[in-house]
């Protein structure tokens, strides 16, 4: 079967699935899709759900390929479906799966790209491109932008790679789908779609796409541009990396991709396992699943078992069992642990959600200084027991002007440290180390900036300006909120990298 036949069959399958989905997807309001007659692919599966692993990394599945967070790419083996997935490539920075065009991806820390064409048997033909600035893909074209701002399309026809120059002087690719040149936005075929620069493009993979300008949403189908929605906010994606619904700025949602929604819902969902792909091999259907720990599983047509075809296990950079690699704070905890800044409670427990105490913080800074010798006793009446882990640290920090204690004369070593106290102490520590503390921020974008204590305002301005504290997702600083060990790990990593250890 040649590449043209493959594309024709793929299009026919999409159309048929779309028609089926129109008759099966019912009661589709907001984000809820229900169907009393749906076929549950796992109905007869003897399902075993082992505990999620903490030494795996997040992964994304693109049809029959898995890309891990570290840039390792794995492929499904069509010749032996139950065999472990094969590692195809490493060090991948950006990956775009082409449903109807060649797949294209770039490498980390280089200007190279790889373009791959695969037939329905899994046989691959590829080419390496040099001097690459960015890559893009649409339903009709796979394209690449060179370092001298020339945009080319690339395709595999008649067993040969074919390239064609689309444009020169291209400023940038926008979301891999459109390009910007001379104050206008074009699609990868070269058709102007907007007099100006769009904000985002959204690839649907079924002959059409969308793009947004502010809260205005446009639908793009072949040579037609339709103004679609004036209150657009964002798209909500399914497991195929395809948008299913879109959300307006009012909070309401609308189902917009029936085919993708039907497939996503048709497969069912279990606690840690999601249906993501189906493949027909020798007239038999195989169903591929991706687990939340990054592993890939296969349901075979001959039995009712799920087979793990990608374990995705890697050696953890830290020994703590309560720090899964999928958590946002994994890298920060790994940094502070491996740089001897913050230790765990014991060899296997870090307790990321526990609040950090004032005694713990000065101990962290004291450890960063190499735990120099001290003389005399701390001046605080509540820090007189020399057996306490923070005893020497408090004395050192007081002598160096890093901490001053409360107005009551006490230090409060077991008090939970607040975010504003943390900013003050880190600012004093930076001054003691002779660091540049001129960074500042007016804090106007934070709704609770007025709640910062007077003594901490300048320190908080510095911490935000220096990038040590970034604020919360809801636009607040929460200055009097308690800082968890995970949050402090992240702040200490930022301090060391931005201010300097």
Protein backbone atom coordinates (compact mmCIF):
# COMPACT_ATOMS: atom_id res chain seq x y z
CA UNK A 1 0.00 0.00 0.00
CA UNK A 2 1.52 3.31 -1.05
CA UNK A 3 1.38 6.58 0.85
CA UNK A 4 -1.55 7.92 -1.22
CA UNK A 5 -3.65 4.82 -0.50
CA UNK A 6 -2.84 5.17 3.17
CA UNK A 7 -4.03 8.79 3.21
CA UNK A 8 -7.26 7.92 1.34
CA UNK A 9 -8.06 5.11 3.77
CA UNK A 10 -7.25 7.36 6.74
CA UNK A 11 -9.62 10.04 5.47
CA UNK A 12 -12.38 7.47 4.87
CA UNK A 13 -11.91 6.14 8.40
CA UNK A 14 -12.13 9.64 9.83
CA UNK A 15 -15.33 10.35 7.91
CA UNK A 16 -16.88 7.06 8.97
CA UNK A 17 -15.93 7.57 12.61
CA UNK A 18 -17.33 11.10 12.45
CA UNK A 19 -20.67 9.80 11.13
CA UNK A 20 -20.75 7.07 13.75
CA UNK A 21 -19.95 9.55 16.49
CA UNK A 22 -22.81 11.80 15.43
CA UNK A 23 -25.21 8.93 16.09
CA UNK A 24 -23.57 7.71 19.29
CA UNK A 25 -22.60 10.85 21.16
CA UNK A 26 -25.73 12.09 22.92
CA UNK A 27 -26.51 14.47 25.75
CA UNK A 28 -23.28 16.32 24.99
CA UNK A 29 -23.59 19.46 27.09
CA UNK A 30 -20.66 21.31 28.60
CA UNK A 31 -17.95 18.72 29.29
CA UNK A 32 -20.34 15.80 29.90
CA UNK A 33 -20.67 13.14 27.21
CA UNK A 34 -22.91 10.17 27.94
CA UNK A 35 -24.07 7.16 25.95
CA UNK A 36 -26.06 4.32 27.50
CA UNK A 37 -25.21 2.00 24.62
CA UNK A 38 -21.46 2.59 24.54
CA UNK A 39 -19.17 -0.40 24.12
CA UNK A 40 -16.72 -0.65 26.99
CA UNK A 41 -13.47 -2.01 25.62
CA UNK A 42 -12.47 -3.20 29.06
CA UNK A 43 -15.71 -5.05 29.84
CA UNK A 44 -14.10 -8.50 29.51
CA UNK A 45 -10.59 -7.60 30.55
CA UNK A 46 -9.00 -9.28 33.53
CA UNK A 47 -7.67 -5.95 34.77
CA UNK A 48 -4.79 -5.75 37.19
CA UNK A 49 -3.97 -2.29 38.48
CA UNK A 50 -0.60 -2.36 40.26
CA UNK A 51 0.46 0.61 42.39
CA UNK A 52 1.64 3.63 40.45
CA UNK A 53 5.40 3.88 40.26
CA UNK A 54 7.15 6.96 41.57
CA UNK A 55 10.35 6.52 39.57
CA UNK A 56 8.78 7.03 36.16
CA UNK A 57 8.46 10.19 34.11
CA UNK A 58 5.39 11.71 32.43
CA UNK A 59 4.74 10.63 28.86
CA UNK A 60 2.43 11.62 26.03
CA UNK A 61 1.08 9.18 23.46
CA UNK A 62 0.70 10.28 19.84
CA UNK A 63 -1.33 7.55 18.15
CA UNK A 64 1.28 4.75 18.20
CA UNK A 65 4.30 6.64 19.58
CA UNK A 66 5.15 7.62 23.15
CA UNK A 67 7.30 10.65 23.95
CA UNK A 68 8.66 10.88 27.48
CA UNK A 69 9.41 14.08 29.37
CA UNK A 70 13.16 13.57 28.93
CA UNK A 71 12.79 13.40 25.14
CA UNK A 72 12.86 9.64 24.52
CA UNK A 73 10.61 8.51 21.68
CA UNK A 74 9.14 4.97 21.57
CA UNK A 75 7.27 3.25 18.77
CA UNK A 76 4.64 0.49 18.65
CA UNK A 77 5.95 -2.68 16.98
CA UNK A 78 3.50 -3.67 14.21
CA UNK A 79 5.34 -6.93 13.50
CA UNK A 80 5.14 -8.05 17.12
CA UNK A 81 2.42 -6.01 18.88
CA UNK A 82 2.93 -7.42 22.39
CA UNK A 83 6.66 -6.78 22.33
CA UNK A 84 8.05 -3.90 24.35
CA UNK A 85 7.86 -0.58 22.52
CA UNK A 86 11.03 0.21 20.62
CA UNK A 87 13.10 3.29 21.36
CA UNK A 88 13.16 5.28 18.14
CA UNK A 89 15.15 8.37 19.08
CA UNK A 90 16.38 10.44 22.00
CA UNK A 91 16.91 14.08 22.95
CA UNK A 92 13.72 15.28 21.24
CA UNK A 93 12.63 18.83 22.02
CA UNK A 94 9.45 19.17 19.93
CA UNK A 95 7.37 16.39 18.39
CA UNK A 96 4.42 16.76 16.02
CA UNK A 97 2.60 13.64 14.86
CA UNK A 98 1.32 13.86 11.28
CA UNK A 99 -1.95 11.99 10.85
CA UNK A 100 -2.00 12.60 7.09
CA UNK A 101 1.45 14.09 6.53
CA UNK A 102 4.93 13.00 7.66
CA UNK A 103 5.78 13.29 11.34
CA UNK A 104 8.35 15.96 12.13
CA UNK A 105 10.37 16.74 15.26
CA UNK A 106 13.37 18.77 16.43
CA UNK A 107 16.23 17.93 18.77
CA UNK A 108 17.24 19.61 21.99
CA UNK A 109 20.19 22.00 21.91
CA UNK A 110 20.67 21.71 18.14
CA UNK A 111 19.34 23.07 14.86
CA UNK A 112 18.41 19.68 13.46
CA UNK A 113 15.04 18.12 12.68
CA UNK A 114 13.87 14.65 11.70
CA UNK A 115 11.02 14.01 9.27
CA UNK A 116 9.53 10.51 9.23
CA UNK A 117 7.01 8.89 6.90
CA UNK A 118 5.42 5.62 8.07
CA UNK A 119 3.16 3.25 6.14
CA UNK A 120 0.37 1.11 7.60
CA UNK A 121 2.85 -1.72 8.32
CA UNK A 122 5.08 0.49 10.39
CA UNK A 123 7.80 0.71 7.77
CA UNK A 124 9.54 4.07 8.07
CA UNK A 125 11.39 6.37 5.72
CA UNK A 126 13.10 9.41 7.18
CA UNK A 127 15.31 12.37 6.44
CA UNK A 128 17.42 14.64 8.66
CA UNK A 129 17.29 18.41 8.14
CA UNK A 130 19.96 20.88 9.25
CA UNK A 131 19.89 24.60 10.08
CA UNK A 132 16.36 24.33 11.48
CA UNK A 133 14.77 27.10 13.52
CA UNK A 134 11.29 25.57 13.95
CA UNK A 135 8.93 23.01 12.45
CA UNK A 136 5.20 22.96 11.72
CA UNK A 137 2.47 20.70 10.42
CA UNK A 138 -1.08 20.99 9.13
CA UNK A 139 -3.52 18.62 7.46
CA UNK A 140 -1.98 19.40 4.09
CA UNK A 141 1.65 20.23 4.81
CA UNK A 142 4.62 19.39 6.98
CA UNK A 143 6.94 22.37 7.01
CA UNK A 144 10.20 23.62 8.46
CA UNK A 145 11.65 27.08 9.06
CA UNK A 146 15.39 27.47 8.53
CA UNK A 147 17.76 29.62 10.55
CA UNK A 148 17.82 32.14 7.68
CA UNK A 149 14.01 32.49 7.95
CA UNK A 150 13.09 30.51 4.83
CA UNK A 151 9.98 28.32 5.11
CA UNK A 152 9.76 25.04 3.18
CA UNK A 153 7.11 22.35 2.89
CA UNK A 154 8.18 18.72 2.83
CA UNK A 155 6.35 15.57 1.80
CA UNK A 156 7.05 11.98 0.79
CA UNK A 157 5.81 11.21 -2.72
CA UNK A 158 6.61 8.32 -5.06
CA UNK A 159 9.18 6.96 -2.61
CA UNK A 160 11.06 10.26 -2.58
CA UNK A 161 11.21 13.29 -0.30
CA UNK A 162 9.96 16.46 -1.94
CA UNK A 163 10.58 19.98 -0.67
CA UNK A 164 9.15 23.26 -1.85
CA UNK A 165 9.89 26.81 -0.72
CA UNK A 166 6.79 28.49 0.71
CA UNK A 167 8.14 31.88 1.77
CA UNK A 168 11.23 33.88 2.72
CA UNK A 169 11.67 36.44 5.47
CA UNK A 170 9.38 34.53 7.84
CA UNK A 171 9.49 35.99 11.34
CA UNK A 172 8.19 32.94 13.21
CA UNK A 173 5.93 29.92 13.19
CA UNK A 174 2.89 30.27 15.45
CA UNK A 175 1.94 27.07 17.27
CA UNK A 176 3.48 24.99 14.45
CA UNK A 177 0.49 25.78 12.23
CA UNK A 178 0.75 29.34 10.87
CA UNK A 179 3.60 31.67 10.02
CA UNK A 180 4.02 35.41 10.50
CA UNK A 181 5.60 37.64 7.85
CA UNK A 182 5.49 41.36 7.09
CA UNK A 183 2.73 42.04 9.60
CA UNK A 184 0.40 39.28 8.32
CA UNK A 185 -0.38 35.68 9.25
CA UNK A 186 -0.42 32.86 6.70
CA UNK A 187 -1.14 29.13 6.77
CA UNK A 188 1.49 26.58 5.74
CA UNK A 189 0.14 26.54 2.19
CA UNK A 190 0.88 30.25 1.90
CA UNK A 191 -2.67 31.62 2.10
CA UNK A 192 -3.15 34.80 4.13
CA UNK A 193 -5.54 34.17 7.02
CA UNK A 194 -5.29 37.40 9.02
CA UNK A 195 -4.10 41.00 8.52
CA UNK A 196 -1.97 41.07 11.62
CA UNK A 197 -0.52 38.55 14.05
CA UNK A 198 -2.74 35.85 15.55
CA UNK A 199 -2.24 34.73 19.13
CA UNK A 200 -2.63 30.97 18.74
CA UNK A 201 -3.40 28.28 16.18
CA UNK A 202 -5.21 25.02 16.99
CA UNK A 203 -4.72 21.91 14.84
CA UNK A 204 -7.68 19.53 14.58
CA UNK A 205 -6.29 17.03 12.07
CA UNK A 206 -9.54 16.54 10.16
CA UNK A 207 -9.27 19.09 7.40
CA UNK A 208 -9.73 22.20 9.50
CA UNK A 209 -8.15 24.28 12.23
CA UNK A 210 -8.90 27.32 14.37
CA UNK A 211 -6.94 30.41 15.33
CA UNK A 212 -7.54 33.09 17.94
CA UNK A 213 -6.86 36.80 18.23
CA UNK A 214 -7.55 37.93 21.75
CA UNK A 215 -10.99 36.51 22.59
CA UNK A 216 -12.00 36.24 18.93
CA UNK A 217 -11.98 32.74 17.47
CA UNK A 218 -11.83 31.96 13.75
CA UNK A 219 -12.45 28.65 12.01
CA UNK A 220 -10.17 27.82 9.10
CA UNK A 221 -11.33 25.19 6.59
CA UNK A 222 -9.31 24.85 3.38
CA UNK A 223 -9.62 28.27 1.71
CA UNK A 224 -12.40 29.57 4.00
CA UNK A 225 -12.01 31.70 7.13
CA UNK A 226 -15.11 32.00 9.33
CA UNK A 227 -15.51 34.28 12.35
CA UNK A 228 -16.63 31.74 14.93
CA UNK A 229 -16.80 33.09 18.48
CA UNK A 230 -16.31 36.47 20.16
CA UNK A 231 -15.88 35.25 23.74
CA UNK A 232 -13.32 32.47 23.22
CA UNK A 233 -11.10 31.53 26.17
CA UNK A 234 -9.40 28.18 25.58
CA UNK A 235 -9.69 24.72 24.04
CA UNK A 236 -9.94 21.59 26.13
CA UNK A 237 -7.94 18.68 24.70
CA UNK A 238 -8.47 14.91 24.78
CA UNK A 239 -5.91 12.12 24.93
CA UNK A 240 -5.14 12.43 21.22
CA UNK A 241 -3.77 15.96 21.72
CA UNK A 242 -6.86 17.08 19.79
CA UNK A 243 -9.26 19.79 21.03
CA UNK A 244 -12.69 18.42 21.97
CA UNK A 245 -14.49 21.40 23.51
CA UNK A 246 -13.82 25.09 23.83
CA UNK A 247 -14.47 27.35 26.78
CA UNK A 248 -15.72 30.92 26.59
CA UNK A 249 -14.63 33.74 28.88
CA UNK A 250 -17.99 33.38 30.61
CA UNK A 251 -17.03 29.85 31.69
CA UNK A 252 -19.46 27.95 29.46
CA UNK A 253 -18.16 25.15 27.22
CA UNK A 254 -19.24 23.74 23.89
CA UNK A 255 -18.51 20.38 22.29
CA UNK A 256 -16.74 21.15 19.04
CA UNK A 257 -15.03 17.95 17.84
CA UNK A 258 -17.52 15.08 17.80
CA UNK A 259 -15.15 12.53 16.33
CA UNK A 260 -12.45 13.02 18.95
CA UNK A 261 -15.00 13.19 21.75
CA UNK A 262 -16.62 9.94 20.60
CA UNK A 263 -13.33 8.09 20.45
CA UNK A 264 -12.20 9.40 23.81
CA UNK A 265 -15.50 8.45 25.46
CA UNK A 266 -15.91 5.20 23.55
CA UNK A 267 -12.81 3.75 25.14
CA UNK A 268 -13.98 4.25 28.68
CA UNK A 269 -11.77 5.31 31.55
CA UNK A 270 -10.35 3.65 34.65
CA UNK A 271 -8.55 5.11 37.62
CA UNK A 272 -5.05 5.24 36.17
CA UNK A 273 -5.55 3.95 32.62
CA UNK A 274 -6.92 5.82 29.60
CA UNK A 275 -7.76 4.57 26.12
CA UNK A 276 -5.77 6.51 23.57
CA UNK A 277 -5.50 4.58 20.31
CA UNK A 278 -6.71 1.62 18.27
CA UNK A 279 -4.89 -0.19 15.46
CA UNK A 280 -5.94 -2.83 12.96
CA UNK A 281 -3.22 -5.40 12.34
CA UNK A 282 -3.97 -8.40 10.12
CA UNK A 283 -7.69 -7.67 10.48
CA UNK A 284 -7.45 -7.72 14.28
CA UNK A 285 -8.00 -4.74 16.55
CA UNK A 286 -5.46 -3.81 19.21
CA UNK A 287 -6.24 -1.16 21.80
CA UNK A 288 -3.48 0.97 23.27
CA UNK A 289 -3.67 2.67 26.67
CA UNK A 290 -1.46 5.14 28.52
CA UNK A 291 -1.20 5.02 32.28
CA UNK A 292 -0.73 8.08 34.45
CA UNK A 293 2.74 6.87 35.48
CA UNK A 294 3.88 7.04 31.84
CA UNK A 295 3.63 3.32 31.06
CA UNK A 296 1.84 2.00 27.94
CA UNK A 297 -0.51 -1.01 27.90
CA UNK A 298 -2.04 -3.10 25.12
CA UNK A 299 -5.31 -5.05 24.95
CA UNK A 300 -4.91 -7.91 22.47
CA UNK A 301 -7.79 -9.42 20.44
CA UNK A 302 -6.99 -13.03 21.41
CA UNK A 303 -7.32 -12.79 25.17
CA UNK A 304 -8.66 -10.56 27.90
CA UNK A 305 -5.37 -9.43 29.37
CA UNK A 306 -3.65 -6.08 29.33
CA UNK A 307 0.02 -6.31 28.40
CA UNK A 308 2.55 -3.69 29.50
CA UNK A 309 4.60 -2.73 26.44
CA UNK A 310 6.39 0.28 27.93
CA UNK A 311 7.53 0.38 31.55
CA UNK A 312 9.18 3.80 31.26
CA UNK A 313 11.13 3.25 34.47
CA UNK A 314 14.20 5.33 35.15
CA UNK A 315 16.50 5.76 38.10
CA UNK A 316 15.21 8.42 40.44
CA UNK A 317 17.49 11.37 41.16
CA UNK A 318 16.35 11.32 44.78
CA UNK A 319 15.62 8.55 47.30
CA UNK A 320 12.36 9.96 48.66
CA UNK A 321 9.32 7.76 48.09
CA UNK A 322 6.94 10.70 48.64
CA UNK A 323 8.36 12.74 45.73
CA UNK A 324 6.88 11.28 42.50
CA UNK A 325 8.61 12.41 39.34
CA UNK A 326 5.23 13.55 38.01
CA UNK A 327 4.91 16.27 40.67
CA UNK A 328 5.74 19.90 39.91
CA UNK A 329 8.26 20.05 42.76
CA UNK A 330 10.30 16.97 41.76
CA UNK A 331 13.06 18.93 40.01
CA UNK A 332 13.30 21.47 42.83
CA UNK A 333 13.56 18.79 45.53
CA UNK A 334 16.11 16.94 43.41
CA UNK A 335 18.15 20.15 43.11
CA UNK A 336 18.18 21.05 46.81
CA UNK A 337 18.84 17.45 47.85
CA UNK A 338 21.70 16.83 45.43
CA UNK A 339 23.25 20.21 46.27
CA UNK A 340 23.11 19.52 50.03
CA UNK A 341 20.71 22.38 50.71
CA UNK A 342 17.62 20.64 52.10
CA UNK A 343 17.62 17.13 53.48
CA UNK A 344 14.72 14.77 54.13
CA UNK A 345 13.28 13.71 57.45
CA UNK A 346 14.97 10.39 56.82
CA UNK A 347 16.38 8.44 53.86
CA UNK A 348 12.98 7.91 52.20
CA UNK A 349 10.75 10.77 53.44
CA UNK A 350 10.87 14.42 52.40
CA UNK A 351 7.32 15.43 53.44
CA UNK A 352 6.73 18.03 50.69
CA UNK A 353 3.41 19.26 52.10
CA UNK A 354 4.67 19.81 55.65
CA UNK A 355 5.16 23.42 56.66
CA UNK A 356 8.76 24.61 57.00
CA UNK A 357 9.73 26.09 60.36
CA UNK A 358 11.93 29.10 61.06
CA UNK A 359 14.50 26.78 62.63
CA UNK A 360 14.57 24.69 59.47
CA UNK A 361 15.16 27.71 57.25
CA UNK A 362 18.18 29.05 59.15
CA UNK A 363 19.54 25.49 59.21
CA UNK A 364 19.24 25.40 55.41
CA UNK A 365 21.22 28.65 55.08
CA UNK A 366 23.76 27.50 57.67
CA UNK A 367 24.27 24.28 55.68
CA UNK A 368 24.78 26.30 52.50
CA UNK A 369 27.60 28.14 54.30
CA UNK A 370 29.33 24.86 55.12
CA UNK A 371 28.28 24.91 58.80
CA UNK A 372 31.08 27.16 60.10
CA UNK A 373 32.07 27.04 63.77
CA UNK A 374 30.38 29.39 66.24
CA UNK A 375 31.21 30.78 69.65
CA UNK A 376 28.94 31.82 72.46
CA UNK A 377 25.23 31.20 72.90
CA UNK A 378 22.22 32.47 70.96
CA UNK A 379 20.58 35.54 72.54
CA UNK A 380 17.06 34.16 72.25
CA UNK A 381 15.54 32.61 75.41
CA UNK A 382 13.75 29.97 73.34
CA UNK A 383 17.01 28.84 71.66
CA UNK A 384 19.12 27.66 74.58
CA UNK A 385 19.12 23.89 74.15
CA UNK A 386 22.39 23.05 72.38
CA UNK A 387 21.04 19.63 71.38
CA UNK A 388 18.47 21.11 69.01
CA UNK A 389 19.36 20.84 65.31
CA UNK A 390 18.88 24.57 64.78
CA UNK A 391 20.99 25.78 67.77
CA UNK A 392 24.23 26.56 65.89
CA UNK A 393 22.36 27.79 62.83
CA UNK A 394 20.39 30.40 64.78
CA UNK A 395 23.55 31.67 66.48
CA UNK A 396 25.37 31.95 63.14
CA UNK A 397 22.40 33.64 61.41
CA UNK A 398 22.05 36.16 64.26
CA UNK A 399 25.74 37.05 64.23
CA UNK A 400 25.64 37.65 60.46
CA UNK A 401 22.50 39.79 60.58
CA UNK A 402 20.46 37.27 58.60
CA UNK A 403 17.79 36.95 61.33
CA UNK A 404 16.68 39.31 64.07
CA UNK A 405 13.88 37.53 65.89
CA UNK A 406 10.52 38.81 67.10
CA UNK A 407 9.82 42.04 68.99
CA UNK A 408 9.17 39.88 72.04
CA UNK A 409 12.84 38.92 72.12
CA UNK A 410 12.15 35.34 71.07
CA UNK A 411 13.07 33.61 67.82
CA UNK A 412 10.26 31.05 67.48
CA UNK A 413 12.31 28.20 65.98
CA UNK A 414 9.31 25.89 65.76
CA UNK A 415 6.96 28.47 64.27
CA UNK A 416 5.93 27.87 60.69
CA UNK A 417 7.67 30.39 58.47
CA UNK A 418 5.51 32.68 56.38
CA UNK A 419 6.21 33.67 52.82
CA UNK A 420 6.97 37.27 53.75
CA UNK A 421 9.35 36.17 56.52
CA UNK A 422 11.08 33.95 53.98
CA UNK A 423 11.50 36.91 51.63
CA UNK A 424 13.00 39.04 54.41
CA UNK A 425 15.48 36.39 55.55
CA UNK A 426 16.58 35.54 51.99
CA UNK A 427 17.05 39.25 51.25
CA UNK A 428 19.25 39.67 54.32
CA UNK A 429 21.17 36.53 53.40
CA UNK A 430 21.77 37.87 49.87
CA UNK A 431 23.10 41.14 51.32
CA UNK A 432 25.38 39.23 53.71
CA UNK A 433 26.75 37.29 50.71
CA UNK A 434 27.37 40.50 48.79
CA UNK A 435 24.84 39.71 46.06
CA UNK A 436 23.15 42.28 43.87
CA UNK A 437 19.82 43.04 45.55
CA UNK A 438 18.72 45.89 43.29
CA UNK A 439 15.96 43.87 41.62
CA UNK A 440 12.45 45.09 42.43
CA UNK A 441 8.80 44.81 41.43
CA UNK A 442 5.90 47.16 42.16
CA UNK A 443 3.66 44.18 43.10
CA UNK A 444 0.64 45.89 41.51
CA UNK A 445 -0.40 42.73 39.69
CA UNK A 446 -0.97 40.91 42.99
CA UNK A 447 -4.41 41.45 44.48
CA UNK A 448 -3.23 40.97 48.08
CA UNK A 449 -0.09 43.12 47.94
CA UNK A 450 -1.60 45.46 50.54
CA UNK A 451 -1.57 42.63 53.08
CA UNK A 452 2.23 42.50 53.21
CA UNK A 453 3.59 43.68 56.56
CA UNK A 454 5.43 47.00 56.43
CA UNK A 455 8.75 45.47 57.44
CA UNK A 456 8.55 42.96 54.58
CA UNK A 457 7.40 45.15 51.65
CA UNK A 458 10.84 45.97 50.22
CA UNK A 459 12.06 42.40 50.68
CA UNK A 460 9.00 41.04 48.90
CA UNK A 461 9.50 43.52 46.05
CA UNK A 462 13.08 42.24 45.74
CA UNK A 463 12.08 38.56 45.93
CA UNK A 464 9.49 38.95 43.16
CA UNK A 465 11.76 41.14 41.06
CA UNK A 466 14.62 38.64 41.37
CA UNK A 467 12.33 35.74 40.44
CA UNK A 468 12.70 33.98 43.79
CA UNK A 469 8.96 34.26 44.52
CA UNK A 470 6.54 34.17 41.59
CA UNK A 471 3.15 34.28 43.28
CA UNK A 472 0.21 31.91 43.04
CA UNK A 473 -1.89 30.96 40.03
CA UNK A 474 -4.79 33.04 41.33
CA UNK A 475 -2.76 36.26 41.21
CA UNK A 476 -1.93 36.46 44.91
CA UNK A 477 1.29 36.47 46.94
CA UNK A 478 -0.26 35.10 50.14
CA UNK A 479 2.40 36.92 52.21
CA UNK A 480 1.24 35.59 55.57
CA UNK A 481 0.61 32.09 54.27
CA UNK A 482 2.71 29.22 55.53
CA UNK A 483 5.40 27.95 53.18
CA UNK A 484 5.58 24.20 52.61
CA UNK A 485 8.82 22.27 52.26
CA UNK A 486 8.10 21.79 48.56
CA UNK A 487 7.54 25.54 48.06
CA UNK A 488 10.73 26.40 49.90
CA UNK A 489 12.64 23.86 47.82
CA UNK A 490 11.40 25.65 44.69
CA UNK A 491 12.30 29.08 46.10
CA UNK A 492 15.78 27.94 47.14
CA UNK A 493 16.41 26.50 43.69
CA UNK A 494 15.34 29.81 42.11
CA UNK A 495 17.47 31.76 44.60
CA UNK A 496 20.58 29.74 43.81
CA UNK A 497 20.09 29.93 40.06
CA UNK A 498 18.95 33.55 39.78
CA UNK A 499 20.66 35.31 42.69
CA UNK A 500 23.62 32.97 43.15
CA UNK A 501 24.59 30.63 45.91
